[in-house]
Protein backbone atom coordinates (compact mmCIF):
# COMPACT_ATOMS: atom_id res chain seq x y z
CA MET A 1 -29.78 -1.29 -4.70
CA SER A 2 -26.81 -0.79 -2.34
CA ARG A 3 -27.38 -0.61 1.42
CA SER A 4 -27.13 2.75 3.18
CA ASP A 5 -27.28 1.60 6.84
CA TYR A 6 -24.71 -1.00 7.93
CA VAL A 7 -21.53 -1.69 9.91
CA PHE A 8 -18.27 -2.15 7.97
CA THR A 9 -14.86 -3.18 9.29
CA SER A 10 -11.30 -2.77 8.00
CA GLU A 11 -7.89 -3.55 9.49
CA SER A 12 -4.37 -2.22 9.16
CA VAL A 13 -0.96 -3.49 10.25
CA SER A 14 2.09 -1.53 11.37
CA GLU A 15 5.46 -1.18 9.68
CA GLY A 16 6.76 -3.74 12.19
CA HIS A 17 4.30 -6.45 11.17
CA PRO A 18 6.32 -9.35 9.70
CA ASP A 19 4.76 -9.04 6.24
CA LYS A 20 5.33 -5.29 6.24
CA VAL A 21 8.98 -5.74 7.18
CA CYS A 22 9.25 -7.80 4.01
CA ASP A 23 7.34 -5.27 1.90
CA ARG A 24 9.68 -2.56 3.17
CA ILE A 25 12.83 -4.47 2.28
CA SER A 26 11.51 -5.39 -1.18
CA ASP A 27 10.63 -1.77 -1.93
CA ALA A 28 13.97 -0.54 -0.55
CA VAL A 29 15.74 -2.87 -2.98
CA LEU A 30 13.55 -1.49 -5.78
CA ASP A 31 14.37 2.10 -4.82
CA ALA A 32 18.09 1.36 -4.77
CA PHE A 33 17.98 0.02 -8.32
CA LEU A 34 15.77 2.85 -9.61
CA ALA A 35 18.10 5.42 -8.04
CA GLU A 36 20.92 3.91 -10.10
CA GLU A 37 18.91 3.49 -13.31
CA PRO A 38 15.30 4.70 -13.81
CA THR A 39 14.62 1.86 -16.26
CA ALA A 40 15.87 -0.86 -13.89
CA ARG A 41 13.77 -4.00 -13.78
CA VAL A 42 12.98 -5.38 -10.35
CA ALA A 43 10.69 -8.10 -9.02
CA CYS A 44 11.94 -8.60 -5.47
CA GLU A 45 10.44 -10.91 -2.84
CA THR A 46 11.47 -11.10 0.81
CA PHE A 47 10.90 -13.72 3.50
CA ALA A 48 11.63 -13.09 7.18
CA THR A 49 11.65 -15.38 10.19
CA THR A 50 13.55 -15.75 13.48
CA GLY A 51 17.03 -14.33 12.96
CA MET A 52 16.87 -14.50 9.18
CA VAL A 53 15.87 -12.55 6.06
CA VAL A 54 15.85 -14.16 2.61
CA VAL A 55 15.71 -11.94 -0.50
CA GLY A 56 15.04 -13.36 -3.96
CA GLY A 57 13.58 -12.58 -7.37
CA GLU A 58 14.65 -10.96 -10.62
CA VAL A 59 16.53 -7.73 -11.29
CA GLY A 60 18.10 -6.06 -14.29
CA LEU A 61 20.38 -3.12 -15.09
CA SER A 62 21.84 -2.19 -18.46
CA ASP A 63 25.37 -2.28 -16.97
CA GLN A 64 26.32 -5.73 -15.68
CA ASP A 65 29.18 -4.39 -13.54
CA LYS A 66 26.76 -2.09 -11.72
CA LEU A 67 24.37 -5.00 -11.31
CA LYS A 68 27.07 -7.02 -9.57
CA ASN A 69 27.87 -4.06 -7.30
CA TYR A 70 24.24 -3.68 -6.27
CA MET A 71 23.93 -7.38 -5.56
CA GLY A 72 26.52 -6.84 -2.84
CA ARG A 73 24.43 -4.11 -1.19
CA ILE A 74 21.32 -6.18 -0.48
CA ALA A 75 22.26 -7.14 3.08
CA GLU A 76 23.01 -3.51 3.96
CA ILE A 77 19.66 -2.39 2.51
CA ALA A 78 17.77 -5.01 4.50
CA ARG A 79 19.53 -4.15 7.75
CA ASP A 80 18.87 -0.43 7.30
CA CYS A 81 15.15 -1.15 6.92
CA ILE A 82 15.02 -3.35 10.01
CA LYS A 83 16.94 -0.75 12.02
CA ASP A 84 14.62 2.08 11.01
CA ILE A 85 11.54 0.00 11.85
CA GLY A 86 13.04 -0.54 15.30
CA TYR A 87 13.86 -4.22 15.72
CA GLU A 88 16.59 -4.89 18.27
CA GLN A 89 15.21 -8.11 19.77
CA ASP A 90 17.50 -10.96 20.77
CA LYS A 91 16.11 -13.17 18.00
CA PHE A 92 15.49 -10.46 15.39
CA HIS A 93 18.05 -7.67 15.50
CA TRP A 94 19.07 -5.49 12.57
CA ASN A 95 22.75 -6.01 13.28
CA THR A 96 22.79 -9.76 13.85
CA CYS A 97 20.13 -11.33 11.64
CA HIS A 98 21.33 -13.37 8.67
CA VAL A 99 20.52 -11.90 5.23
CA LEU A 100 20.58 -14.33 2.31
CA ASN A 101 20.48 -12.91 -1.23
CA PHE A 102 19.13 -15.04 -4.07
CA LEU A 103 18.34 -12.26 -6.59
CA HIS A 104 19.18 -13.05 -10.20
CA GLU A 105 18.79 -11.51 -13.67
CA GLN A 106 15.32 -11.00 -15.13
CA SER A 107 14.05 -13.70 -17.48
CA ALA A 108 14.76 -12.83 -21.11
CA HIS A 109 11.37 -14.29 -22.05
CA ILE A 110 9.59 -11.81 -19.80
CA ALA A 111 11.80 -8.95 -20.95
CA GLN A 112 11.05 -9.57 -24.63
CA GLY A 113 7.34 -8.91 -24.12
CA VAL A 114 7.84 -5.82 -22.01
CA THR A 115 10.61 -3.96 -23.83
CA GLY A 116 9.40 -2.13 -26.93
CA GLU A 117 11.63 -2.84 -29.91
CA GLY A 118 11.36 -1.75 -33.53
CA ASN A 119 7.75 -0.88 -34.32
CA ARG A 120 6.37 -2.79 -31.35
CA ALA A 121 5.08 -0.73 -28.46
CA GLU A 122 6.24 -1.56 -24.97
CA GLY A 123 3.86 -4.12 -23.52
CA ALA A 124 2.46 -4.83 -20.07
CA GLY A 125 4.69 -6.85 -17.75
CA ASP A 126 1.92 -9.37 -17.09
CA GLN A 127 -1.72 -10.10 -17.67
CA GLY A 128 -4.19 -9.17 -14.99
CA ILE A 129 -6.94 -6.96 -13.66
CA MET A 130 -6.44 -3.88 -11.49
CA PHE A 131 -8.98 -1.85 -9.52
CA GLY A 132 -9.13 1.71 -8.28
CA TYR A 133 -11.65 3.22 -5.90
CA ALA A 134 -12.60 6.58 -4.41
CA THR A 135 -15.38 7.81 -2.15
CA THR A 136 -16.39 11.13 -0.61
CA GLU A 137 -16.65 9.72 2.92
CA THR A 138 -13.22 11.11 3.92
CA PRO A 139 -11.29 14.21 2.75
CA ASP A 140 -8.69 11.97 1.10
CA LEU A 141 -11.51 10.26 -0.84
CA MET A 142 -10.81 6.94 0.90
CA PRO A 143 -13.08 4.52 2.80
CA ALA A 144 -13.12 5.63 6.43
CA PRO A 145 -12.46 2.27 8.18
CA ILE A 146 -9.13 1.61 6.44
CA GLN A 147 -8.04 5.27 6.52
CA TYR A 148 -8.51 5.58 10.27
CA SER A 149 -7.05 2.13 10.96
CA HIS A 150 -3.89 3.34 9.20
CA ALA A 151 -3.96 6.66 11.07
CA ILE A 152 -4.00 4.97 14.49
CA LEU A 153 -0.93 2.87 13.72
CA ARG A 154 0.97 5.76 12.15
CA ARG A 155 0.39 7.83 15.28
CA LEU A 156 1.56 5.02 17.56
CA ALA A 157 4.68 4.57 15.40
CA GLU A 158 5.41 8.29 15.78
CA VAL A 159 5.25 8.27 19.57
CA ARG A 160 7.20 5.00 19.75
CA LYS A 161 10.02 6.35 17.60
CA SER A 162 10.07 9.76 19.29
CA GLY A 163 10.57 8.14 22.68
CA ALA A 164 7.28 9.47 24.04
CA GLU A 165 6.06 5.88 24.55
CA PRO A 166 9.22 3.81 25.07
CA SER A 167 7.41 0.61 26.10
CA LEU A 168 5.73 0.18 22.70
CA ARG A 169 7.38 -2.12 20.16
CA PRO A 170 7.15 -2.23 16.33
CA ASP A 171 4.61 -5.02 15.66
CA ALA A 172 0.94 -3.94 15.81
CA LYS A 173 -2.48 -4.40 14.20
CA SER A 174 -5.56 -2.19 14.31
CA GLN A 175 -9.18 -2.78 13.30
CA ILE A 176 -12.16 -0.43 13.27
CA SER A 177 -15.86 -1.22 12.78
CA LEU A 178 -17.88 1.83 11.71
CA ARG A 179 -21.65 2.19 11.64
CA TYR A 180 -22.97 3.91 8.53
CA VAL A 181 -26.24 5.84 8.31
CA ASP A 182 -27.40 6.98 4.88
CA GLY A 183 -24.03 5.81 3.55
CA LYS A 184 -21.97 8.01 5.89
CA PRO A 185 -19.84 6.82 8.86
CA VAL A 186 -21.27 8.08 12.16
CA GLU A 187 -19.99 5.83 14.95
CA ALA A 188 -17.22 3.40 15.87
CA THR A 189 -18.98 0.31 17.15
CA SER A 190 -15.68 -1.40 18.02
CA ILE A 191 -11.99 -0.55 18.16
CA VAL A 192 -9.43 -3.37 18.14
CA LEU A 193 -5.72 -2.86 18.70
CA SER A 194 -2.98 -5.39 19.41
CA THR A 195 0.46 -3.93 19.91
CA GLN A 196 3.75 -5.48 20.87
CA HIS A 197 5.11 -4.10 24.15
CA GLU A 198 8.16 -4.19 26.36
CA SER A 199 7.32 -6.25 29.45
CA GLU A 200 5.32 -9.31 30.37
CA ALA A 201 4.30 -7.43 33.50
CA GLN A 202 2.22 -5.05 31.39
CA THR A 203 -1.47 -6.00 31.27
CA SER A 204 -4.06 -5.28 28.61
CA ASP A 205 -5.32 -2.46 30.85
CA ASP A 206 -1.82 -1.00 31.02
CA ILE A 207 -1.55 -1.01 27.24
CA ARG A 208 -4.99 0.55 26.87
CA ALA A 209 -3.95 3.37 29.18
CA ILE A 210 -1.01 4.05 26.85
CA VAL A 211 -2.76 3.85 23.48
CA GLU A 212 -6.28 5.14 24.16
CA PRO A 213 -5.36 8.85 24.22
CA TYR A 214 -3.71 8.53 20.79
CA ILE A 215 -6.68 6.64 19.34
CA ARG A 216 -9.03 9.35 20.62
CA GLU A 217 -6.71 11.96 19.14
CA VAL A 218 -6.96 10.35 15.69
CA LEU A 219 -10.66 9.46 15.47
CA PRO A 220 -13.45 12.05 15.18
CA ALA A 221 -14.58 12.69 18.75
CA ASP A 222 -18.26 11.99 18.15
CA TRP A 223 -17.50 8.54 16.70
CA ILE A 224 -16.45 7.17 20.11
CA THR A 225 -19.51 6.68 22.33
CA ASP A 226 -20.37 4.88 25.56
CA ALA A 227 -21.46 1.94 23.39
CA THR A 228 -18.10 1.63 21.59
CA GLU A 229 -16.41 -1.69 22.40
CA TRP A 230 -12.69 -1.55 23.11
CA TRP A 231 -10.49 -4.61 22.54
CA ILE A 232 -6.89 -3.67 23.37
CA ASN A 233 -4.41 -6.57 23.39
CA PRO A 234 -7.36 -8.90 23.98
CA THR A 235 -5.19 -12.02 24.36
CA GLY A 236 -2.97 -10.38 26.98
CA THR A 237 0.83 -10.42 26.71
CA PHE A 238 2.37 -9.51 23.33
CA VAL A 239 6.11 -9.22 23.92
CA ILE A 240 7.41 -11.64 21.26
CA GLY A 241 6.57 -10.01 17.94
CA GLY A 242 7.75 -9.34 14.42
CA PRO A 243 9.39 -12.08 12.35
CA ASP A 244 10.47 -13.80 15.58
CA GLY A 245 6.82 -14.34 16.49
CA ASP A 246 5.44 -15.06 13.01
CA ALA A 247 7.13 -15.39 9.62
CA GLY A 248 6.68 -12.60 7.08
CA LEU A 249 6.43 -12.52 3.30
CA THR A 250 6.21 -9.79 0.67
CA GLY A 251 2.75 -9.14 -0.73
CA ARG A 252 0.53 -10.81 1.87
CA LYS A 253 -1.29 -7.64 2.94
CA ILE A 254 -2.85 -6.52 -0.35
CA ILE A 255 -6.19 -5.53 1.18
CA VAL A 256 -4.43 -3.48 3.85
CA ASP A 257 -2.44 -1.86 1.03
CA THR A 258 -5.57 -0.78 -0.87
CA TYR A 259 -9.12 -0.17 0.38
CA GLY A 260 -9.60 -2.42 3.38
CA GLY A 261 -12.10 -4.64 1.57
CA ALA A 262 -14.42 -1.76 0.64
CA ALA A 263 -13.56 -2.25 -3.04
CA PRO A 264 -12.43 -5.16 -5.24
CA HIS A 265 -8.78 -6.13 -5.63
CA GLY A 266 -7.36 -7.73 -8.74
CA GLY A 267 -5.13 -10.05 -6.71
CA GLY A 268 -1.67 -8.72 -7.51
CA ALA A 269 0.66 -7.36 -4.84
CA PHE A 270 2.60 -4.11 -5.23
CA SER A 271 5.79 -4.14 -3.18
CA GLY A 272 9.09 -5.01 -4.80
CA LYS A 273 7.78 -4.52 -8.36
CA ASP A 274 9.10 -1.88 -10.72
CA PRO A 275 6.47 0.19 -12.59
CA THR A 276 6.60 -1.86 -15.79
CA LYS A 277 4.57 -4.37 -13.76
CA VAL A 278 0.96 -3.32 -14.24
CA ASP A 279 0.05 -5.09 -10.99
CA ARG A 280 1.47 -1.95 -9.45
CA SER A 281 1.43 0.89 -11.98
CA ALA A 282 -2.04 0.21 -13.37
CA ALA A 283 -3.48 -0.12 -9.86
CA TYR A 284 -2.02 3.31 -9.14
CA ALA A 285 -3.51 4.62 -12.40
CA ALA A 286 -6.90 3.14 -11.53
CA ARG A 287 -6.87 4.87 -8.12
CA TYR A 288 -5.76 8.13 -9.80
CA LEU A 289 -8.61 7.97 -12.30
CA ALA A 290 -11.26 6.96 -9.77
CA LYS A 291 -10.15 9.74 -7.42
CA ASN A 292 -10.29 12.31 -10.21
CA VAL A 293 -13.76 11.15 -11.24
CA VAL A 294 -14.96 11.82 -7.69
CA ALA A 295 -12.94 15.04 -7.35
CA ALA A 296 -14.55 16.29 -10.57
CA GLY A 297 -17.98 15.88 -9.00
CA LEU A 298 -18.97 13.20 -11.50
CA ALA A 299 -19.83 10.74 -8.69
CA GLU A 300 -19.70 10.30 -4.92
CA ARG A 301 -18.23 6.80 -5.31
CA CYS A 302 -16.29 5.27 -8.17
CA THR A 303 -14.88 1.80 -8.79
CA LEU A 304 -12.68 1.52 -11.87
CA GLN A 305 -11.21 -1.64 -13.42
CA LEU A 306 -8.43 -1.96 -15.99
CA SER A 307 -7.27 -5.21 -17.64
CA TYR A 308 -4.06 -6.08 -19.50
CA ALA A 309 -2.32 -8.90 -21.38
CA ILE A 310 1.41 -9.54 -21.14
CA GLY A 311 3.29 -7.91 -24.01
CA VAL A 312 0.23 -5.90 -25.12
CA ALA A 313 0.38 -2.14 -24.64
CA LYS A 314 -3.21 -0.94 -24.53
CA PRO A 315 -5.62 -2.03 -21.80
CA LEU A 316 -8.07 -4.68 -22.94
CA SER A 317 -10.96 -3.11 -21.05
CA ILE A 318 -11.98 -0.11 -18.93
CA TYR A 319 -14.92 -0.53 -16.56
CA VAL A 320 -16.52 2.13 -14.34
CA ASP A 321 -19.18 1.71 -11.65
CA THR A 322 -20.36 4.80 -9.77
CA HIS A 323 -22.73 2.77 -7.58
CA GLY A 324 -25.78 4.82 -8.42
CA THR A 325 -24.09 8.10 -7.39
CA GLY A 326 -23.02 9.24 -10.86
CA GLU A 327 -24.00 12.56 -12.38
CA VAL A 328 -23.55 11.07 -15.86
CA PRO A 329 -23.84 7.51 -17.23
CA ASN A 330 -20.91 5.20 -16.45
CA GLN A 331 -20.37 4.60 -20.16
CA GLU A 332 -19.61 8.29 -20.71
CA ILE A 333 -16.90 8.22 -18.05
CA GLU A 334 -15.45 5.04 -19.56
CA ALA A 335 -15.29 6.73 -22.98
CA ALA A 336 -13.69 9.89 -21.58
CA ILE A 337 -10.88 8.18 -19.66
CA PRO A 338 -8.66 7.13 -22.62
CA ARG A 339 -9.06 10.62 -24.07
CA VAL A 340 -7.43 12.23 -21.03
CA MET A 341 -4.79 9.63 -20.11
CA ASP A 342 -2.62 7.21 -22.04
CA LEU A 343 -3.13 3.90 -20.23
CA THR A 344 -0.33 1.97 -21.87
CA PRO A 345 2.37 0.94 -19.37
CA ARG A 346 4.70 3.63 -20.74
CA GLY A 347 1.90 6.20 -20.73
CA ILE A 348 1.09 5.49 -17.07
CA ARG A 349 4.73 5.70 -16.01
CA GLU A 350 5.27 8.97 -17.84
CA HIS A 351 2.02 10.57 -16.70
CA LEU A 352 2.59 9.71 -13.04
CA VAL A 353 6.41 9.87 -13.34
CA LEU A 354 6.85 6.48 -11.70
CA ASN A 355 10.46 5.66 -12.65
CA ARG A 356 11.81 7.17 -9.44
CA PRO A 357 12.91 5.78 -6.06
CA ILE A 358 9.61 6.63 -4.33
CA TYR A 359 8.38 3.22 -3.24
CA GLN A 360 9.88 2.38 0.15
CA ARG A 361 7.53 4.92 1.78
CA THR A 362 4.49 3.11 0.36
CA ALA A 363 5.28 -0.16 2.14
CA ALA A 364 3.26 0.60 5.30
CA TYR A 365 0.04 2.48 6.11
CA GLY A 366 -1.47 2.15 2.66
CA HIS A 367 -0.56 3.01 -0.92
CA PHE A 368 -3.62 5.23 -1.23
CA GLY A 369 -5.13 8.10 0.73
CA ARG A 370 -1.70 9.70 1.17
CA GLN A 371 -0.61 13.25 0.33
CA PRO A 372 1.32 13.82 -2.93
CA GLU A 373 4.94 14.68 -2.12
CA ALA A 374 7.33 17.21 -3.60
CA ASP A 375 9.69 14.58 -5.04
CA GLY A 376 6.86 12.78 -6.85
CA GLY A 377 5.89 10.30 -4.16
CA PHE A 378 2.21 9.37 -4.23
CA SER A 379 1.72 11.22 -7.53
CA TRP A 380 -1.33 9.02 -8.14
CA GLU A 381 -3.09 10.86 -5.30
CA LYS A 382 -3.21 14.13 -7.24
CA THR A 383 -6.55 15.45 -8.53
CA ASP A 384 -5.04 17.39 -11.43
CA LEU A 385 -7.02 15.42 -14.03
CA ALA A 386 -10.45 16.38 -12.68
CA ALA A 387 -10.97 19.41 -14.93
CA ALA A 388 -9.91 17.52 -18.05
CA LEU A 389 -12.23 14.63 -17.24
CA LYS A 390 -15.15 16.96 -16.65
CA ALA A 391 -14.49 18.76 -19.92
CA GLU A 392 -14.60 15.46 -21.85
CA ILE A 393 -18.06 14.48 -20.57
């Protein structure tokens, strides 16, 4: 039996965190290729350190001349990302950092298993397991600790970029511990925030005075009590930040990207991968399905797993766990899912319309728990499958 009274903690990192800088660049490269050709193949990795960004991986367009042209745009794409994030430090500046491009054509041996030819259906881009999760504890059907950790950093990014708080800098991390009673969050037992700032003369107390009003603005008022512990820049000065303070790499924040540890993760990263890679597209499909199960009133919590083999179209397995909150047996939900959605890689891409340049915006503050957007961004957050799922039970 699952516990109903406990304290659970999740963390988030800002768009200026070194790993998130790399996620952003990788997804910006992906978007550039998809804008040129919706069927472009991209597996882009980025590494960032003091004064340098290195981009590598595999890409593919049907037109080789266009491919060569886009190879020449990589440095510009990277610099635009760094500029928008806000890095103008002496040792990491958008206009002066070196950008090295080592992208090359996609392996033909990978392509042959993914591209459907003749009577063979298009297969998955890799083997693997992917998880989706949803819970009623927030309006967005996300776990509260990760959702509010993201919200704090998004708000601080807004006031930093607007000029309202000019002494804040891009690199930051947040962490919230929430006490649950009867399975519902009721109190923040601790709030942790470390944010890069302008001057070594600024103390932890100075930074708290800046950020506390925004944290209180974001969190439900009754969650912050006299017993709540505040840890704001607990080590003191945090002026040197971003890739100058710590190297960054694409795909190192997969728990931040998903459910903050409240649900399993299959292990694959998302950023820089085109939607033929089921690491990404099937994880989006799993979230979409889990969210629709909960939105349909079939459960208060739902964990959903999909598994694939490289070159094979259909998922090898579908697993559902409603954690004792289900209105119907888990097996009935498992049986209904393939009747309402085609879970082949092509079926997922077409259902969620994933072959669009919509990925750069996912690189920070979570891939899930976001609002669906008019141009198709975050389509996996829709609850338009709930009625069909309910009708199949």
